Every structure is written in C-alpha cells, then in structure tokens.
Amino acid sequence: MPHSIVSNVALKEWAITCEVLSQGRQIILLRKGGLLDEDGHFSLEHGQFFLLPTYLHQEEALVKPAERDLFRTTQKIEGESINVTFLRHFARVEAIWSFPPHDDALLERAPHIWSRQYLDLRLGYLGDKPLLCAALRVWKLNSPLRYQLRAQDKGCRSWVEMETPLECGATPVVDDETFGMELGKLRALFG
C-alpha cells in the first residue's frame, strides 16, 4: 500500500545496510555512535527518517561471508558523489532494545548480515555505552530524492537535518504480515 512521506531528517548508514533493509533480508539496525555525535554517543532522537547511504568504512570482513554479495549489488546511482547522494528509502522505528557491552549472545542469534568481527567492534566501541538495536519498518521511495550534502552533513555524525522537508510517495519493502512475523521473532528473542 503506497504511503506519503514528509520528513526533513535522514540517518546516515552504510549503503550495504540500507540495501539489506530495502530487500527485507533483515529489519534491525545496530548503532552506538559516530565520532561527531554528541559525546560520540548515538541517540535515537527521531522515530522516522530517510536512510542516507554512505560508503565510508564499509568492509567485507564486517559482513558474514554468505552476505558479501551486497558489496557487488549495492551501487551508487549515477551522479552520486562525495557531495551528492540520493535518498531511496524511508524508515520508521517499531521497537528498540538496548544491549550492554559484551552481552552479545542474543545479538549473535538475531537475523542480520553482520560478522562476529562487526559485533565485537560495535559492542566494544565507547566501552560502557549500550548498543542500540532498532527494528525498522522500511519503505522504498517511488523515485530517489537527490540531496546535496552541506558541510555540516559530512563527517562521522549520524543525523542529517535538512533545511526543508522532502516529500514523496513510498511503498513498504515487505508486506504487513511478513514484517509482523519478523518483528515477533525479534520480540521473542530479545524479550
């Protein structure tokens, strides 16, 4: 069912993560913080946002071997550069769980693309800060939206707040029943 999206907020995320979310191969996002976030700590201050794909710091070793095809299939749109990106997806947070450092047994069993090395990196970053796991409902935009990055949008910060809201139509990447089942599995696993 098509939706109308209006927002001026985007979350910067690895392009391969945006891709796997857009394919419905996983519904979770793991975040701890960007170097330029306040105190280096990520906070989920927005409940819905565009996904802004980034390519910096993506490494094959941080993804399970069976999922590394994402590095071949995740492509920049013609015209994308260090200064211009295209927003292709929109997300709404449906649930959040917090994991203390070194509490990874449940995360290891959750359905996601990330390798053991990635989990160790995320859990170990910022020592005592918790790792946030957010279940996202994702929509594909009817047409990609071109966004010119400003100086304040660049660097290792998570959130981009645009001067004016962007508006477009979008369609869920998975149907309601499938999303409900996947969210139910996560709730059963994480409590």
Protein backbone atom coordinates (compact mmCIF):
# COMPACT_ATOMS: atom_id res chain seq x y z
CA MET A 1 0.00 0.00 0.00
CA PRO A 2 1.55 3.36 -1.02
CA HIS A 3 2.30 5.95 1.64
CA SER A 4 3.04 9.66 1.51
CA ILE A 5 6.29 10.59 3.24
CA VAL A 6 7.25 14.05 4.51
CA SER A 7 10.43 14.48 6.55
CA ASN A 8 13.49 16.66 6.98
CA VAL A 9 15.57 14.05 8.82
CA ALA A 10 17.93 11.40 7.50
CA LEU A 11 20.05 8.79 9.25
CA LYS A 12 23.47 8.13 7.73
CA GLU A 13 24.00 4.39 7.39
CA TRP A 14 26.24 2.08 5.39
CA ALA A 15 24.92 1.59 1.89
CA ILE A 16 25.01 -2.20 2.31
CA THR A 17 22.86 -1.93 5.44
CA CYS A 18 20.40 0.29 3.56
CA GLU A 19 20.37 -2.30 0.78
CA VAL A 20 19.71 -5.29 3.04
CA LEU A 21 16.95 -3.37 4.83
CA SER A 22 15.45 -2.45 1.45
CA GLN A 23 15.43 -6.10 0.39
CA GLY A 24 13.71 -7.22 3.60
CA ARG A 25 16.66 -9.52 4.38
CA GLN A 26 16.78 -8.02 7.88
CA ILE A 27 14.79 -5.45 9.83
CA ILE A 28 17.30 -4.44 12.50
CA LEU A 29 19.83 -1.67 12.73
CA LEU A 30 22.65 -1.67 15.31
CA ARG A 31 24.05 1.70 16.39
CA LYS A 32 26.38 3.06 19.05
CA GLY A 33 27.52 6.42 17.72
CA GLY A 34 29.51 8.49 15.31
CA LEU A 35 32.63 10.38 16.31
CA LEU A 36 30.88 13.71 15.77
CA ASP A 37 27.64 12.76 17.54
CA GLU A 38 27.21 14.47 20.89
CA ASP A 39 29.72 12.80 23.23
CA GLY A 40 30.29 10.27 20.42
CA HIS A 41 27.11 8.53 21.59
CA PHE A 42 24.24 7.70 19.27
CA SER A 43 20.73 8.51 20.44
CA LEU A 44 17.61 7.53 18.60
CA GLU A 45 16.14 11.02 18.72
CA HIS A 46 13.93 10.54 15.67
CA GLY A 47 11.27 7.87 15.23
CA GLN A 48 11.22 8.08 11.45
CA PHE A 49 13.73 9.21 8.86
CA PHE A 50 15.16 8.81 5.40
CA LEU A 51 18.08 6.39 5.10
CA LEU A 52 21.10 8.23 3.72
CA PRO A 53 23.52 5.67 2.24
CA THR A 54 27.22 6.11 2.98
CA TYR A 55 30.14 4.14 1.63
CA LEU A 56 32.89 5.11 4.08
CA HIS A 57 34.19 2.38 6.44
CA GLN A 58 32.28 -0.48 4.76
CA GLU A 59 34.48 -3.60 4.83
CA GLU A 60 33.78 -7.12 3.65
CA ALA A 61 35.22 -8.57 6.88
CA LEU A 62 32.41 -6.89 8.83
CA VAL A 63 29.74 -8.84 6.93
CA LYS A 64 29.09 -12.59 7.06
CA PRO A 65 30.69 -14.37 4.08
CA ALA A 66 27.29 -15.52 2.79
CA GLU A 67 26.13 -11.88 2.62
CA ARG A 68 29.13 -10.34 0.87
CA ASP A 69 27.25 -10.27 -2.43
CA LEU A 70 25.94 -6.94 -1.11
CA PHE A 71 29.27 -5.33 -1.96
CA ARG A 72 28.68 -6.22 -5.62
CA THR A 73 24.97 -5.38 -5.79
CA THR A 74 24.96 -2.14 -3.79
CA GLN A 75 25.71 0.51 -6.37
CA LYS A 76 25.81 4.27 -6.36
CA ILE A 77 23.24 5.98 -8.55
CA GLU A 78 24.71 7.91 -11.46
CA GLY A 79 25.51 11.39 -10.22
CA GLU A 80 26.24 10.35 -6.62
CA SER A 81 29.47 11.75 -5.23
CA ILE A 82 31.02 12.90 -2.00
CA ASN A 83 28.73 15.95 -2.18
CA VAL A 84 25.53 14.50 -3.65
CA THR A 85 23.53 11.49 -2.53
CA PHE A 86 20.17 10.01 -3.39
CA LEU A 87 17.67 9.04 -0.72
CA ARG A 88 15.96 5.81 -1.74
CA HIS A 89 14.31 4.58 1.45
CA PHE A 90 12.42 5.77 4.49
CA ALA A 91 12.28 4.01 7.87
CA ARG A 92 10.13 4.08 10.98
CA VAL A 93 11.32 2.65 14.31
CA GLU A 94 8.95 -0.06 15.54
CA ALA A 95 10.92 -1.35 18.56
CA ILE A 96 14.20 -0.66 20.36
CA TRP A 97 16.37 -2.88 22.53
CA SER A 98 19.49 -1.88 24.43
CA PHE A 99 22.44 -4.24 24.95
CA PRO A 100 25.22 -3.64 27.46
CA PRO A 101 28.81 -4.17 26.26
CA HIS A 102 29.79 -7.83 25.92
CA ASP A 103 26.16 -9.01 26.05
CA ASP A 104 26.15 -10.47 22.58
CA ALA A 105 24.61 -13.94 22.87
CA LEU A 106 21.17 -12.80 21.69
CA LEU A 107 22.57 -10.50 19.01
CA GLU A 108 24.57 -13.40 17.60
CA ARG A 109 21.32 -15.34 17.06
CA ALA A 110 19.33 -12.45 15.57
CA PRO A 111 18.81 -12.40 11.79
CA HIS A 112 21.35 -9.95 10.36
CA ILE A 113 24.24 -9.70 7.88
CA TRP A 114 27.00 -8.69 10.30
CA SER A 115 30.02 -10.81 11.16
CA ARG A 116 31.35 -11.65 14.60
CA GLN A 117 34.06 -9.01 13.99
CA TYR A 118 31.38 -6.35 13.41
CA LEU A 119 29.52 -7.29 16.62
CA ASP A 120 32.77 -7.17 18.62
CA LEU A 121 33.58 -3.77 17.11
CA ARG A 122 30.13 -2.33 17.85
CA LEU A 123 29.87 -3.74 21.37
CA GLY A 124 33.41 -2.64 22.25
CA TYR A 125 33.05 0.91 20.88
CA LEU A 126 32.65 3.54 23.63
CA GLY A 127 33.23 0.97 26.35
CA ASP A 128 30.33 1.13 28.79
CA LYS A 129 27.75 2.68 26.44
CA PRO A 130 24.90 0.35 25.40
CA LEU A 131 24.42 -0.84 21.85
CA LEU A 132 21.02 0.09 20.44
CA CYS A 133 19.15 -2.38 18.27
CA ALA A 134 16.21 -0.85 16.41
CA ALA A 135 13.61 -2.77 14.43
CA LEU A 136 12.77 -0.70 11.36
CA ARG A 137 9.79 -0.72 9.02
CA VAL A 138 11.22 0.38 5.66
CA TRP A 139 9.59 1.92 2.58
CA LYS A 140 11.07 2.27 -0.90
CA LEU A 141 10.62 5.76 -2.30
CA ASN A 142 8.74 5.90 -5.60
CA SER A 143 11.64 7.93 -7.02
CA PRO A 144 15.06 8.56 -5.45
CA LEU A 145 15.40 12.05 -3.99
CA ARG A 146 18.60 13.93 -4.81
CA TYR A 147 20.17 15.55 -1.76
CA GLN A 148 23.09 17.99 -1.86
CA LEU A 149 25.21 17.39 1.23
CA ARG A 150 26.16 20.52 3.17
CA ALA A 151 29.37 20.97 5.16
CA GLN A 152 27.50 20.25 8.42
CA ASP A 153 26.16 16.95 6.99
CA LYS A 154 29.60 15.49 6.39
CA GLY A 155 31.83 13.58 8.76
CA CYS A 156 31.12 10.83 11.27
CA ARG A 157 27.79 12.06 12.56
CA SER A 158 24.60 10.02 12.44
CA TRP A 159 21.81 12.52 11.82
CA VAL A 160 21.24 14.96 8.97
CA GLU A 161 18.56 17.61 9.47
CA MET A 162 17.58 19.23 6.19
CA GLU A 163 16.56 22.86 5.89
CA THR A 164 13.24 21.97 4.27
CA PRO A 165 11.22 18.76 4.42
CA LEU A 166 11.27 16.42 1.44
CA GLU A 167 8.04 14.83 0.25
CA CYS A 168 7.45 11.72 -1.84
CA GLY A 169 5.40 8.57 -2.21
CA ALA A 170 6.68 5.23 -0.95
CA THR A 171 5.77 1.55 -0.74
CA PRO A 172 6.66 -0.87 2.10
CA VAL A 173 9.52 -3.21 1.17
CA VAL A 174 7.77 -6.13 2.91
CA ASP A 175 4.07 -6.70 3.47
CA ASP A 176 2.44 -6.19 6.87
CA GLU A 177 2.20 -9.92 7.63
CA THR A 178 5.86 -10.63 6.86
CA PHE A 179 7.02 -7.62 8.85
CA GLY A 180 4.82 -8.63 11.79
CA MET A 181 6.28 -12.14 11.78
CA GLU A 182 9.88 -10.84 11.70
CA LEU A 183 9.19 -8.34 14.48
CA GLY A 184 7.54 -11.10 16.51
CA LYS A 185 10.66 -13.27 16.18
CA LEU A 186 12.82 -10.43 17.47
CA ARG A 187 10.49 -9.75 20.39
CA ALA A 188 10.55 -13.45 21.29
CA LEU A 189 14.35 -13.48 21.11
CA PHE A 190 15.10 -10.19 22.87
CA GLY A 191 12.18 -10.17 25.30
